[in-house]
Amino acid sequence: MIKKILRYVNEFKRDSIITPVFIALEVVLEIILPYLMSMIIDNGVEKGNIKYVLTIGAIMIVASVLSLIFGALAGKYAARASSGVARNIRKAMYYKIQDYSFANIDKYSTAGLVTRLTTDVTNVQNAYQMSIRMLARPPIMLISAMAMSFYLNARLALVFIGAIIFLGASLYFIMTSAHPYFKSVFKQYDDLNASVQENLTGIRAVKAYVREGYETSKFHKASKKVYENFLKAEKIIIYNSPIMQFTMNTCILLLSWIGAKLIVGGSMTTGELMSFFTYSTNILMSLMFLSMVFLMLIMARSSVERILEVLEEKVDLTNGPNPVYEVKDGSIEFKNVSFSYHKRRDNLVLEGINLKIKSGETVGVIGGTGSGKTTLMQLIPRLYDVTEGSVEVGGIDVRDYDIETLRNEVSMVLQKNVLFSGTIKENLRWGNKDATDEELIIACKQAQADEFIQNLPDKYDTYIEQGGTNVSGGQKQRLCIARALLKKPKILILDDSTSAVDTRTDALIRKAFRETIPNTTKIIIAQRVSSVQDADKIVVLDDGKIDGIGTHEELLKTSTIYREVYESQVKGADENGSE
């Protein structure tokens, strides 16, 4: 697991290596200081040699300054290395998510992915910084201080061996007990972020339905779960501090008792005992720092597991060995297509679909909610792969195309219209980044969007708020249609994309399609019969199966479902007109 994360050190290897070097130099100088102090006491103060005191004191000052410099440099390079590693991990995760198919994305919640990209990466960044600094410093300090202790008095130094064994066993218990709680708490973070995201995204609906109290209650529940799991973990981790204090106090008492006997016996000097006290502090502080690092690693371990889960997710939509890079035309054929989101034959969303669409045809798709209309169309640009059968575009199986090539030739206006923060021009150029202002205007005229844009204060430079909250539903739909047209695709799919516009505007859009893009295959998914009745053919879906195919007039005679939908809408329109 650690090796997999270390792959993202990349260009920050030098910073990661040089940090422990500076730490080692800093520690060596710190270790020398107590020994120099003992020399001052034993050879200078007790003998009254002021010159010796000043000479050794000057050496201590130089060592202290150098130690400070090395420590500052270590901090600088550690910060640069950890920030760089976090950047590389976050970039790798983001790029990986861009390659995900819809099926991969369905596996994770949006909030879960955001948590992984932010909180989890930050945990790894902090752990990495502590590792290259603290994981280097405490062992070096520990080994150096132990070596000096044994050099001064091996018998007295045995006290530290007992302390290390006791603290090691305690730390192992804390680590193994706390890890499951940290693992659980990050899953609860996903729920908490999901609650916040839904509330902020749907804040208008929350206020319209006066559901602030309910949303607050939902947030409190998610927040409470995070609190409870953290509390359980902290109750275990908190033992670290009292255990450390107990060990330090015990060591000092033992050193004082044994050291006093040694001084009285003449086998140890006062300066050496004072050095021992300093080294005992260094050793125990090193152990405390090590415990802090390991506790940070416990938290980071859970985050690393979640990050690797995203990075190692197998993308189920990839190019074949010899992908095709040209789409001949907009003809489409479904050959005995069945589809399940879970790849299970007993849970099919679509079953036995056979449909042939000529290039340039206008095809309407109609059916009840959950009949599989959107799913069927998502198979064309290969947003999902079929479970059985095949989908061909331009006479070639979509699985044989280069995915980017295929999707560039299939423009899809999704059921849920999405606009991004930026100007209208910037949003439109998602369809074609090189589109001229004139091309933008032409596409907007085709989508019946130019008229309302011209009435805006800044026209095409008008700023669109995040999610398009400062334009109406119908305006948003028309902008998304214009954006799709700018791709100049061979296939245009409108997934219930004119539901928020009036019937007159809907008719004008369809008229513009007939006149301006006659060679583009147009597929219109709609709830209103009026939106598809002038199509070359209409497909009626029912429960994932084709109930009927034909023109408007043919389906009125042959399809009971189509006739019932038509009659209910005509009757409703007549009743509204007579009121």
Protein backbone atom coordinates (compact mmCIF):
# COMPACT_ATOMS: atom_id res chain seq x y z
CA MET A 1 0.00 0.00 0.00
CA ILE A 2 2.82 2.40 0.92
CA LYS A 3 4.71 1.52 -2.27
CA LYS A 4 1.65 2.41 -4.35
CA ILE A 5 1.40 5.86 -2.77
CA LEU A 6 5.15 6.47 -3.03
CA ARG A 7 4.78 6.25 -6.83
CA TYR A 8 3.40 9.80 -6.66
CA VAL A 9 6.55 11.28 -5.08
CA ASN A 10 7.98 11.66 -8.63
CA GLU A 11 9.84 14.97 -9.00
CA PHE A 12 9.87 15.51 -5.23
CA LYS A 13 12.23 12.60 -4.50
CA ARG A 14 15.14 14.99 -3.95
CA ASP A 15 13.18 17.03 -1.40
CA SER A 16 12.01 13.84 0.31
CA ILE A 17 15.58 12.50 0.58
CA ILE A 18 17.28 15.73 1.60
CA THR A 19 14.81 16.37 4.45
CA PRO A 20 16.01 13.40 6.59
CA VAL A 21 19.62 14.41 5.87
CA PHE A 22 19.04 17.86 7.38
CA ILE A 23 17.09 16.24 10.23
CA ALA A 24 20.04 13.91 10.93
CA LEU A 25 22.46 16.86 11.03
CA GLU A 26 20.12 18.76 13.35
CA VAL A 27 19.80 15.76 15.70
CA VAL A 28 23.55 15.07 15.81
CA LEU A 29 24.18 18.65 16.91
CA GLU A 30 21.42 18.45 19.54
CA ILE A 31 22.91 15.21 20.90
CA ILE A 32 26.35 16.79 21.22
CA LEU A 33 25.04 19.68 23.34
CA PRO A 34 24.33 17.69 26.57
CA TYR A 35 27.74 16.05 26.36
CA LEU A 36 29.39 19.47 25.97
CA MET A 37 27.38 20.66 28.97
CA SER A 38 28.69 17.78 31.09
CA MET A 39 32.23 18.73 30.05
CA ILE A 40 31.63 22.33 31.17
CA ILE A 41 30.36 21.15 34.57
CA ASP A 42 33.03 18.52 35.21
CA ASN A 43 36.08 20.21 33.65
CA GLY A 44 35.17 23.89 33.83
CA VAL A 45 32.79 24.80 36.68
CA GLU A 46 34.06 22.29 39.28
CA LYS A 47 37.72 23.14 38.48
CA GLY A 48 37.12 26.88 38.14
CA ASN A 49 38.50 26.98 34.58
CA ILE A 50 36.66 29.98 33.05
CA LYS A 51 38.60 29.82 29.77
CA TYR A 52 37.47 26.22 29.28
CA VAL A 53 33.85 27.20 30.03
CA LEU A 54 33.94 30.03 27.46
CA THR A 55 35.57 27.86 24.78
CA ILE A 56 33.09 25.00 25.13
CA GLY A 57 30.24 27.54 25.50
CA ALA A 58 31.18 29.15 22.16
CA ILE A 59 31.17 25.71 20.50
CA MET A 60 27.68 25.09 21.97
CA ILE A 61 26.40 28.40 20.53
CA VAL A 62 27.72 27.54 17.04
CA ALA A 63 26.19 24.04 17.29
CA SER A 64 22.84 25.52 18.36
CA VAL A 65 22.76 27.98 15.45
CA LEU A 66 23.66 25.27 12.93
CA SER A 67 21.00 23.00 14.43
CA LEU A 68 18.41 25.76 13.98
CA ILE A 69 19.43 26.29 10.33
CA PHE A 70 19.30 22.58 9.54
CA GLY A 71 15.89 22.32 11.23
CA ALA A 72 14.49 25.22 9.20
CA LEU A 73 15.80 23.72 5.94
CA ALA A 74 14.29 20.35 6.83
CA GLY A 75 10.92 22.03 7.42
CA LYS A 76 11.10 23.85 4.09
CA TYR A 77 11.90 20.76 2.02
CA ALA A 78 9.41 18.58 3.93
CA ALA A 79 6.61 21.08 3.23
CA ARG A 80 7.50 21.21 -0.45
CA ALA A 81 7.70 17.43 -0.77
CA SER A 82 4.40 16.74 1.05
CA SER A 83 2.53 19.44 -0.87
CA GLY A 84 3.92 18.06 -4.12
CA VAL A 85 2.91 14.49 -3.29
CA ALA A 86 -0.60 15.68 -2.39
CA ARG A 87 -0.80 17.58 -5.70
CA ASN A 88 0.28 14.51 -7.68
CA ILE A 89 -2.19 12.21 -5.90
CA ARG A 90 -5.05 14.66 -6.32
CA LYS A 91 -4.22 15.16 -10.00
CA ALA A 92 -3.99 11.40 -10.58
CA MET A 93 -7.36 10.87 -8.89
CA TYR A 94 -9.01 13.67 -10.86
CA TYR A 95 -7.67 12.38 -14.18
CA LYS A 96 -8.74 8.84 -13.28
CA ILE A 97 -12.29 10.02 -12.51
CA GLN A 98 -12.41 11.72 -15.93
CA ASP A 99 -11.87 8.29 -17.50
CA TYR A 100 -14.64 6.67 -15.46
CA SER A 101 -17.67 5.35 -17.26
CA PHE A 102 -21.14 6.09 -15.93
CA ALA A 103 -21.06 2.63 -14.31
CA ASN A 104 -17.84 3.50 -12.45
CA ILE A 105 -19.26 6.83 -11.32
CA ASP A 106 -22.44 5.13 -10.12
CA LYS A 107 -20.29 3.09 -7.71
CA TYR A 108 -19.27 6.20 -5.75
CA SER A 109 -21.32 9.10 -4.49
CA THR A 110 -20.28 12.59 -5.56
CA ALA A 111 -19.75 13.51 -1.91
CA GLY A 112 -17.56 10.43 -1.45
CA LEU A 113 -15.31 11.39 -4.34
CA VAL A 114 -15.04 14.97 -3.08
CA THR A 115 -14.07 13.71 0.39
CA ARG A 116 -11.38 11.51 -1.13
CA LEU A 117 -10.01 14.40 -3.19
CA THR A 118 -9.91 16.77 -0.21
CA THR A 119 -9.95 15.33 3.33
CA ASP A 120 -8.27 12.01 2.50
CA VAL A 121 -5.51 13.60 0.40
CA THR A 122 -4.89 16.17 3.16
CA ASN A 123 -4.53 13.35 5.69
CA VAL A 124 -1.96 11.66 3.46
CA GLN A 125 -0.14 14.97 2.95
CA ASN A 126 0.13 15.57 6.70
CA ALA A 127 1.21 11.98 7.33
CA TYR A 128 3.86 12.17 4.60
CA GLN A 129 5.26 15.41 5.97
CA MET A 130 5.40 14.00 9.48
CA SER A 131 6.94 10.79 8.17
CA ILE A 132 9.90 12.33 6.36
CA ARG A 133 10.49 14.70 9.28
CA MET A 134 9.38 12.95 12.46
CA LEU A 135 9.86 9.39 11.28
CA ALA A 136 13.50 10.29 10.58
CA ARG A 137 14.12 12.50 13.62
CA PRO A 138 12.92 10.26 16.49
CA PRO A 139 14.83 7.11 15.39
CA ILE A 140 18.03 9.10 14.81
CA MET A 141 17.56 10.93 18.10
CA LEU A 142 16.70 7.68 19.87
CA ILE A 143 19.71 5.77 18.53
CA SER A 144 22.12 8.67 19.11
CA ALA A 145 20.88 9.33 22.66
CA MET A 146 20.96 5.62 23.49
CA ALA A 147 24.51 5.35 22.13
CA MET A 148 25.65 8.31 24.25
CA SER A 149 23.86 6.88 27.30
CA PHE A 150 25.60 3.53 26.96
CA TYR A 151 28.87 5.36 26.37
CA LEU A 152 28.46 7.28 29.62
CA ASN A 153 27.09 4.38 31.74
CA ALA A 154 25.81 1.11 30.25
CA ARG A 155 24.24 -0.04 33.56
CA LEU A 156 22.12 3.08 33.95
CA ALA A 157 21.15 3.05 30.27
CA LEU A 158 19.29 -0.27 30.77
CA VAL A 159 16.45 1.80 32.27
CA PHE A 160 15.69 3.09 28.76
CA ILE A 161 15.46 -0.44 27.31
CA GLY A 162 12.63 -1.24 29.72
CA ALA A 163 10.89 2.05 28.85
CA ILE A 164 11.10 1.35 25.09
CA ILE A 165 9.61 -2.15 25.47
CA PHE A 166 6.74 -0.84 27.64
CA LEU A 167 5.93 2.07 25.31
CA GLY A 168 6.18 -0.11 22.17
CA ALA A 169 3.61 -2.57 23.55
CA SER A 170 1.31 0.30 24.59
CA LEU A 171 1.57 1.97 21.18
CA TYR A 172 0.78 -1.27 19.36
CA PHE A 173 -2.37 -1.68 21.45
CA ILE A 174 -3.47 1.89 20.72
CA MET A 175 -2.85 1.54 16.97
CA THR A 176 -4.72 -1.74 16.52
CA SER A 177 -7.66 -0.56 18.64
CA ALA A 178 -8.11 2.88 17.02
CA HIS A 179 -7.75 1.97 13.32
CA PRO A 180 -11.25 0.43 12.85
CA TYR A 181 -12.87 3.60 14.21
CA PHE A 182 -10.90 5.87 11.87
CA LYS A 183 -11.82 3.60 8.97
CA SER A 184 -15.47 3.96 9.87
CA VAL A 185 -15.36 7.71 10.44
CA PHE A 186 -14.33 8.49 6.85
CA LYS A 187 -17.37 6.63 5.54
CA GLN A 188 -19.46 8.81 7.84
CA TYR A 189 -17.70 11.86 6.34
CA ASP A 190 -19.13 10.84 2.96
CA ASP A 191 -22.66 10.88 4.41
CA LEU A 192 -22.03 14.25 6.06
CA ASN A 193 -20.74 15.79 2.83
CA ALA A 194 -23.65 14.28 0.90
CA SER A 195 -26.09 15.92 3.32
CA VAL A 196 -24.40 19.32 2.91
CA GLN A 197 -24.15 18.97 -0.88
CA GLU A 198 -27.81 18.05 -1.32
CA ASN A 199 -28.90 20.90 0.94
CA LEU A 200 -26.85 23.54 -0.87
CA THR A 201 -27.70 22.24 -4.35
CA GLY A 202 -31.40 22.10 -3.59
CA ILE A 203 -31.59 25.11 -1.27
CA ARG A 204 -34.41 26.66 -3.29
CA ALA A 205 -36.54 23.54 -2.95
CA VAL A 206 -35.69 23.35 0.75
CA LYS A 207 -36.95 26.88 1.30
CA ALA A 208 -39.95 26.49 -0.99
CA TYR A 209 -41.16 23.47 1.00
CA VAL A 210 -40.06 24.91 4.36
CA ARG A 211 -37.86 21.88 5.02
CA GLU A 212 -35.04 23.68 6.81
CA GLY A 213 -35.85 21.84 10.03
CA TYR A 214 -35.76 18.44 8.34
CA GLU A 215 -32.47 19.19 6.58
CA THR A 216 -30.96 20.48 9.83
CA SER A 217 -32.06 17.28 11.58
CA LYS A 218 -30.51 15.15 8.80
CA PHE A 219 -27.26 17.11 9.06
CA HIS A 220 -27.18 16.71 12.84
CA LYS A 221 -27.60 12.93 12.52
CA ALA A 222 -24.72 12.65 10.04
CA SER A 223 -22.58 15.01 12.12
CA LYS A 224 -23.36 13.06 15.28
CA LYS A 225 -22.16 9.80 13.72
CA VAL A 226 -18.84 11.44 12.77
CA TYR A 227 -18.56 12.84 16.32
CA GLU A 228 -19.33 9.50 17.95
CA ASN A 229 -16.77 7.59 15.87
CA PHE A 230 -14.10 10.21 16.43
CA LEU A 231 -14.90 10.18 20.15
CA LYS A 232 -14.43 6.40 20.31
CA ALA A 233 -11.08 6.69 18.52
CA GLU A 234 -9.94 9.61 20.69
CA LYS A 235 -10.84 7.71 23.88
CA ILE A 236 -8.27 5.14 22.86
CA ILE A 237 -5.66 7.58 21.55
CA ILE A 238 -5.84 9.74 24.67
CA TYR A 239 -4.13 6.95 26.64
CA ASN A 240 -0.96 7.82 24.74
CA SER A 241 -0.27 10.97 26.77
CA PRO A 242 -0.69 9.59 30.34
CA ILE A 243 1.29 6.46 29.42
CA MET A 244 4.08 8.68 28.10
CA GLN A 245 4.05 10.86 31.24
CA PHE A 246 4.06 7.81 33.49
CA THR A 247 7.05 6.36 31.62
CA MET A 248 9.00 9.64 31.73
CA ASN A 249 8.41 10.15 35.45
CA THR A 250 9.33 6.56 36.22
CA CYS A 251 12.56 6.88 34.23
CA ILE A 252 13.52 10.11 36.02
CA LEU A 253 12.90 8.52 39.44
CA LEU A 254 14.94 5.43 38.56
CA LEU A 255 17.75 7.53 37.07
CA SER A 256 17.83 9.74 40.17
CA TRP A 257 17.85 6.79 42.56
CA ILE A 258 20.40 4.65 40.70
CA GLY A 259 22.48 7.67 39.59
CA ALA A 260 22.78 9.00 43.17
CA LYS A 261 24.15 5.63 44.29
CA LEU A 262 26.64 5.62 41.43
CA ILE A 263 27.85 9.15 42.27
CA VAL A 264 28.23 8.23 45.94
CA GLY A 265 30.12 5.10 44.86
CA GLY A 266 32.43 7.20 42.69
CA SER A 267 31.60 5.46 39.40
CA MET A 268 29.76 8.45 37.94
CA THR A 269 30.18 12.23 37.94
CA THR A 270 27.51 14.87 38.53
CA GLY A 271 27.90 16.18 34.96
CA GLU A 272 27.36 12.71 33.52
CA LEU A 273 24.16 12.29 35.55
CA MET A 274 22.88 15.64 34.29
CA SER A 275 23.66 14.53 30.74
CA PHE A 276 21.72 11.36 31.45
CA PHE A 277 18.67 13.39 32.44
CA THR A 278 18.92 15.30 29.17
CA TYR A 279 19.33 12.11 27.15
CA SER A 280 16.38 10.54 28.98
CA THR A 281 14.26 13.49 27.86
CA ASN A 282 15.54 13.08 24.27
CA ILE A 283 14.82 9.36 24.26
CA LEU A 284 11.34 9.68 25.74
CA MET A 285 10.46 12.65 23.53
CA SER A 286 11.60 10.61 20.53
CA LEU A 287 9.26 7.83 21.58
CA MET A 288 6.44 10.36 22.01
CA PHE A 289 7.08 11.80 18.54
CA LEU A 290 7.11 8.28 17.12
CA SER A 291 3.75 7.59 18.75
CA MET A 292 2.36 10.81 17.24
CA VAL A 293 3.60 9.77 13.79
CA PHE A 294 2.09 6.33 14.13
CA LEU A 295 -1.23 7.78 15.24
CA MET A 296 -1.18 10.05 12.20
CA LEU A 297 -0.38 7.01 10.06
CA ILE A 298 -3.39 5.20 11.53
CA MET A 299 -5.64 7.97 10.21
CA ALA A 300 -3.72 8.17 6.94
CA ARG A 301 -3.96 4.40 6.43
CA SER A 302 -7.75 4.61 6.12
CA SER A 303 -7.40 7.57 3.74
CA VAL A 304 -4.80 5.75 1.63
CA GLU A 305 -7.14 2.75 1.29
CA ARG A 306 -9.93 5.05 0.06
CA ILE A 307 -7.61 6.89 -2.35
CA LEU A 308 -6.25 3.66 -3.83
CA GLU A 309 -9.80 2.42 -4.23
CA VAL A 310 -10.43 5.30 -6.64
CA LEU A 311 -7.04 5.05 -8.39
CA GLU A 312 -7.26 1.27 -8.85
CA GLU A 313 -10.89 1.20 -9.95
CA LYS A 314 -10.99 -0.70 -13.20
CA VAL A 315 -12.50 1.46 -15.92
CA ASP A 316 -14.95 -0.79 -17.74
CA LEU A 317 -15.05 1.32 -20.92
CA THR A 318 -11.75 1.37 -22.78
CA ASN A 319 -10.57 1.39 -26.38
CA GLY A 320 -10.07 -1.93 -28.12
CA PRO A 321 -6.72 -3.05 -29.56
CA ASN A 322 -7.30 -1.35 -32.94
CA PRO A 323 -9.82 1.47 -32.44
CA VAL A 324 -11.57 3.13 -35.39
CA TYR A 325 -10.98 6.89 -35.61
CA GLU A 326 -13.65 7.90 -38.10
CA VAL A 327 -17.45 7.71 -37.93
CA LYS A 328 -18.75 7.28 -41.47
CA ASP A 329 -22.31 8.56 -40.94
CA GLY A 330 -25.09 8.86 -38.38
CA SER A 331 -26.83 5.55 -39.03
CA ILE A 332 -27.63 3.54 -35.90
CA GLU A 333 -28.63 -0.09 -35.41
CA PHE A 334 -29.53 -1.90 -32.20
CA LYS A 335 -29.11 -5.65 -32.63
CA ASN A 336 -30.92 -7.74 -30.01
CA VAL A 337 -29.74 -5.38 -27.26
CA SER A 338 -30.29 -6.17 -23.58
CA PHE A 339 -28.87 -4.13 -20.74
CA SER A 340 -28.56 -4.31 -16.97
CA TYR A 341 -26.80 -1.79 -14.74
CA HIS A 342 -25.58 -4.67 -12.58
CA LYS A 343 -24.76 -6.99 -15.52
CA ARG A 344 -27.38 -9.42 -14.25
CA ARG A 345 -29.61 -11.28 -16.68
CA ASP A 346 -32.44 -11.40 -14.12
CA ASN A 347 -32.52 -7.61 -13.70
CA LEU A 348 -32.66 -6.20 -17.23
CA VAL A 349 -33.54 -2.56 -17.88
CA LEU A 350 -33.67 -3.15 -21.64
CA GLU A 351 -34.48 -6.46 -23.31
CA GLY A 352 -34.40 -7.67 -26.91
CA ILE A 353 -34.15 -4.23 -28.56
CA ASN A 354 -33.92 -4.33 -32.36
CA LEU A 355 -34.02 -0.95 -34.06
CA LYS A 356 -32.59 0.49 -37.28
CA ILE A 357 -32.20 4.25 -37.84
CA LYS A 358 -30.98 5.70 -41.14
CA SER A 359 -28.48 8.53 -41.23
CA GLY A 360 -30.28 11.92 -41.20
CA GLU A 361 -33.58 10.53 -39.90
CA THR A 362 -35.54 12.18 -37.13
CA VAL A 363 -36.66 9.59 -34.60
CA GLY A 364 -38.95 10.18 -31.65
CA VAL A 365 -38.77 8.02 -28.54
CA ILE A 366 -41.72 7.98 -26.19
CA GLY A 367 -42.74 5.92 -23.20
CA GLY A 368 -43.62 6.05 -19.53
CA THR A 369 -41.27 6.87 -16.68
CA GLY A 370 -38.81 4.02 -16.20
CA SER A 371 -39.44 2.51 -19.61
CA GLY A 372 -35.72 2.75 -20.51
CA LYS A 373 -35.74 5.69 -22.95
CA THR A 374 -32.67 7.46 -21.53
CA THR A 375 -30.79 4.22 -20.94
CA LEU A 376 -31.33 3.18 -24.57
CA MET A 377 -29.88 6.43 -25.88
CA GLN A 378 -26.90 6.34 -23.49
CA LEU A 379 -25.74 3.17 -25.23
CA ILE A 380 -25.14 5.09 -28.50
CA PRO A 381 -22.22 7.28 -27.31
CA ARG A 382 -21.11 4.30 -25.20
CA LEU A 383 -21.75 5.86 -21.83
CA TYR A 384 -22.59 2.29 -20.88
CA ASP A 385 -21.81 -0.98 -22.64
CA VAL A 386 -24.57 -3.39 -23.62
CA THR A 387 -25.02 -6.54 -21.54
CA GLU A 388 -26.05 -8.53 -24.61
CA GLY A 389 -26.20 -7.78 -28.33
CA SER A 390 -24.55 -4.81 -30.01
CA VAL A 391 -25.05 -1.17 -30.96
CA GLU A 392 -23.65 -0.03 -34.31
CA VAL A 393 -23.01 3.53 -35.47
CA GLY A 394 -22.02 4.05 -39.10
CA GLY A 395 -22.09 0.26 -39.54
CA ILE A 396 -19.42 -0.35 -36.86
CA ASP A 397 -19.91 -1.64 -33.31
CA VAL A 398 -19.50 1.29 -30.90
CA ARG A 399 -17.05 -0.83 -28.86
CA ASP A 400 -14.67 -0.79 -31.83
CA TYR A 401 -14.44 3.01 -31.99
CA ASP A 402 -12.00 5.25 -30.21
CA ILE A 403 -14.24 6.53 -27.40
CA GLU A 404 -13.34 10.20 -27.88
CA THR A 405 -13.94 9.99 -31.63
CA LEU A 406 -17.35 8.39 -31.12
CA ARG A 407 -18.49 10.89 -28.49
CA ASN A 408 -17.35 13.83 -30.59
CA GLU A 409 -19.76 12.68 -33.30
CA VAL A 410 -22.65 12.02 -30.89
CA SER A 411 -23.93 15.16 -29.22
CA MET A 412 -26.27 14.53 -26.30
CA VAL A 413 -28.38 17.04 -24.42
CA LEU A 414 -28.90 15.29 -21.11
CA GLN A 415 -32.17 15.09 -19.24
CA LYS A 416 -30.64 17.11 -16.43
CA ASN A 417 -29.30 20.26 -18.05
CA VAL A 418 -25.97 21.43 -16.65
CA LEU A 419 -24.44 24.87 -17.07
CA PHE A 420 -21.16 25.87 -15.45
CA SER A 421 -20.14 29.11 -13.80
CA GLY A 422 -18.82 31.44 -16.50
CA THR A 423 -20.16 33.55 -19.35
CA ILE A 424 -22.69 32.32 -21.91
CA LYS A 425 -19.88 32.25 -24.49
CA GLU A 426 -17.73 30.07 -22.25
CA ASN A 427 -20.59 27.65 -21.67
CA LEU A 428 -21.41 27.43 -25.37
CA ARG A 429 -17.79 26.74 -26.28
CA TRP A 430 -17.97 23.49 -24.36
CA GLY A 431 -19.47 22.26 -27.63
CA ASN A 432 -16.60 23.66 -29.70
CA LYS A 433 -13.76 25.48 -27.98
CA ASP A 434 -12.72 27.12 -31.27
CA ALA A 435 -16.19 28.34 -32.27
CA THR A 436 -16.33 31.93 -33.55
CA ASP A 437 -18.82 34.47 -32.20
CA GLU A 438 -20.76 34.13 -35.45
CA GLU A 439 -21.04 30.35 -35.02
CA LEU A 440 -22.27 30.86 -31.46
CA ILE A 441 -25.04 33.16 -32.69
CA ILE A 442 -26.07 30.75 -35.47
CA ALA A 443 -26.31 27.83 -33.02
CA CYS A 444 -28.32 29.94 -30.57
CA LYS A 445 -30.72 31.01 -33.33
CA GLN A 446 -31.26 27.36 -34.22
CA ALA A 447 -31.97 26.60 -30.55
CA GLN A 448 -34.24 29.68 -30.24
CA ALA A 449 -31.90 31.10 -27.59
CA ASP A 450 -30.56 34.18 -29.39
CA GLU A 451 -33.66 36.28 -28.73
CA PHE A 452 -33.52 36.08 -24.93
CA ILE A 453 -29.71 36.40 -24.93
CA GLN A 454 -29.93 39.68 -26.87
CA ASN A 455 -32.26 41.02 -24.16
CA LEU A 456 -29.71 40.36 -21.41
CA PRO A 457 -27.60 43.35 -20.25
CA ASP A 458 -24.27 41.81 -21.32
CA LYS A 459 -25.72 39.60 -24.06
CA TYR A 460 -23.32 36.69 -24.79
CA ASP A 461 -20.93 37.93 -22.10
CA THR A 462 -23.60 37.55 -19.40
CA TYR A 463 -22.23 35.60 -16.45
CA ILE A 464 -23.98 32.32 -15.65
CA GLU A 465 -24.02 31.42 -11.97
CA GLN A 466 -23.04 27.92 -10.86
CA GLY A 467 -25.68 25.48 -12.07
CA GLY A 468 -27.33 28.17 -14.21
CA THR A 469 -29.42 29.48 -11.32
CA ASN A 470 -29.81 32.94 -12.88
CA VAL A 471 -31.60 31.67 -16.01
CA SER A 472 -34.96 29.92 -16.30
CA GLY A 473 -35.41 26.22 -17.00
CA GLY A 474 -36.43 26.86 -20.60
CA GLN A 475 -33.51 29.22 -21.20
CA LYS A 476 -31.11 26.67 -19.73
CA GLN A 477 -32.48 23.98 -22.05
CA ARG A 478 -32.06 26.16 -25.12
CA LEU A 479 -28.48 27.06 -24.18
CA CYS A 480 -27.67 23.36 -23.76
CA ILE A 481 -29.19 22.58 -27.17
CA ALA A 482 -27.11 25.37 -28.76
CA ARG A 483 -24.02 23.98 -27.06
CA ALA A 484 -24.74 20.53 -28.51
CA LEU A 485 -25.27 21.94 -32.01
CA LEU A 486 -21.85 23.62 -31.95
CA LYS A 487 -20.23 20.17 -32.01
CA LYS A 488 -21.75 19.73 -35.49
CA PRO A 489 -22.35 16.07 -34.71
CA LYS A 490 -23.50 13.25 -36.95
CA ILE A 491 -26.00 12.22 -34.26
CA LEU A 492 -27.94 14.61 -32.01
CA ILE A 493 -29.82 13.20 -29.02
CA LEU A 494 -32.28 15.38 -27.11
CA ASP A 495 -33.29 13.68 -23.88
CA ASP A 496 -36.54 15.41 -22.91
CA SER A 497 -34.67 18.65 -23.58
CA THR A 498 -37.59 20.84 -24.55
CA SER A 499 -39.90 19.97 -21.65
CA ALA A 500 -39.49 23.44 -20.11
CA VAL A 501 -40.19 25.42 -23.30
CA ASP A 502 -43.61 26.24 -24.70
CA THR A 503 -45.03 24.27 -27.62
CA ARG A 504 -44.44 27.14 -30.07
CA THR A 505 -40.73 27.36 -29.23
CA ASP A 506 -40.51 23.56 -29.32
CA ALA A 507 -41.96 23.58 -32.84
CA LEU A 508 -39.56 26.32 -33.95
CA ILE A 509 -36.58 24.31 -32.67
CA ARG A 510 -37.70 21.21 -34.57
CA LYS A 511 -38.28 23.32 -37.70
CA ALA A 512 -34.76 24.73 -37.42
CA PHE A 513 -33.38 21.21 -37.14
CA ARG A 514 -35.12 20.12 -40.33
CA GLU A 515 -33.86 23.12 -42.28
CA THR A 516 -30.32 23.59 -40.92
CA ILE A 517 -29.05 20.09 -40.02
CA PRO A 518 -30.89 17.75 -42.42
CA ASN A 519 -27.99 15.25 -42.59
CA THR A 520 -27.69 14.89 -38.81
CA THR A 521 -29.52 11.97 -37.24
CA LYS A 522 -31.85 13.45 -34.64
CA ILE A 523 -33.28 11.42 -31.76
CA ILE A 524 -35.87 13.19 -29.63
CA ILE A 525 -36.91 11.65 -26.31
CA ALA A 526 -40.10 13.34 -25.17
CA GLN A 527 -43.13 13.12 -22.93
CA ARG A 528 -45.26 15.25 -25.27
CA VAL A 529 -46.58 13.60 -28.41
CA SER A 530 -46.49 16.99 -30.15
CA SER A 531 -42.69 16.98 -29.84
CA VAL A 532 -42.31 13.77 -31.88
CA GLN A 533 -45.42 13.44 -34.05
CA ASP A 534 -43.73 14.86 -37.16
CA ALA A 535 -40.69 12.52 -36.80
CA ASP A 536 -39.80 10.06 -39.57
CA LYS A 537 -40.53 7.29 -37.13
CA ILE A 538 -41.49 7.02 -33.48
CA VAL A 539 -40.34 4.30 -31.09
CA VAL A 540 -42.67 3.42 -28.21
CA LEU A 541 -40.95 1.83 -25.21
CA ASP A 542 -42.70 -0.02 -22.42
CA ASP A 543 -40.88 -1.63 -19.50
CA GLY A 544 -37.59 -1.88 -21.40
CA LYS A 545 -39.09 -3.39 -24.56
CA ILE A 546 -40.23 -1.92 -27.86
CA ASP A 547 -44.01 -1.78 -27.95
CA GLY A 548 -44.24 -0.25 -31.40
CA ILE A 549 -42.37 1.52 -34.23
CA GLY A 550 -43.95 3.69 -36.90
CA THR A 551 -45.16 7.13 -37.88
CA HIS A 552 -47.63 9.08 -35.81
CA GLU A 553 -50.56 7.90 -37.92
CA GLU A 554 -49.43 4.28 -37.92
CA LEU A 555 -48.95 4.13 -34.16
CA LEU A 556 -52.40 5.60 -33.51
CA LYS A 557 -53.73 2.47 -35.22
CA THR A 558 -51.26 -0.15 -33.97
CA SER A 559 -50.02 0.94 -30.50
CA THR A 560 -52.47 1.07 -27.61
CA ILE A 561 -49.92 2.82 -25.36
CA TYR A 562 -49.19 5.54 -27.93
CA ARG A 563 -52.88 6.08 -28.62
CA GLU A 564 -53.68 6.39 -24.91
CA VAL A 565 -50.88 8.91 -24.37
CA TYR A 566 -51.99 10.92 -27.39
CA GLU A 567 -55.66 10.93 -26.41
CA SER A 568 -54.92 11.90 -22.82
CA GLN A 569 -52.79 14.84 -23.98
CA VAL A 570 -55.25 15.95 -26.66
CA LYS A 571 -58.14 15.66 -24.23
CA GLY A 572 -56.20 17.60 -21.59
CA ALA A 573 -55.38 20.31 -24.14
CA ASP A 574 -59.01 20.56 -25.23
CA GLU A 575 -60.21 20.84 -21.64
CA ASN A 576 -57.64 23.57 -20.90
CA GLY A 577 -58.65 25.40 -24.05
CA SER A 578 -62.36 25.32 -23.20
CA GLU A 579 -61.95 26.63 -19.67
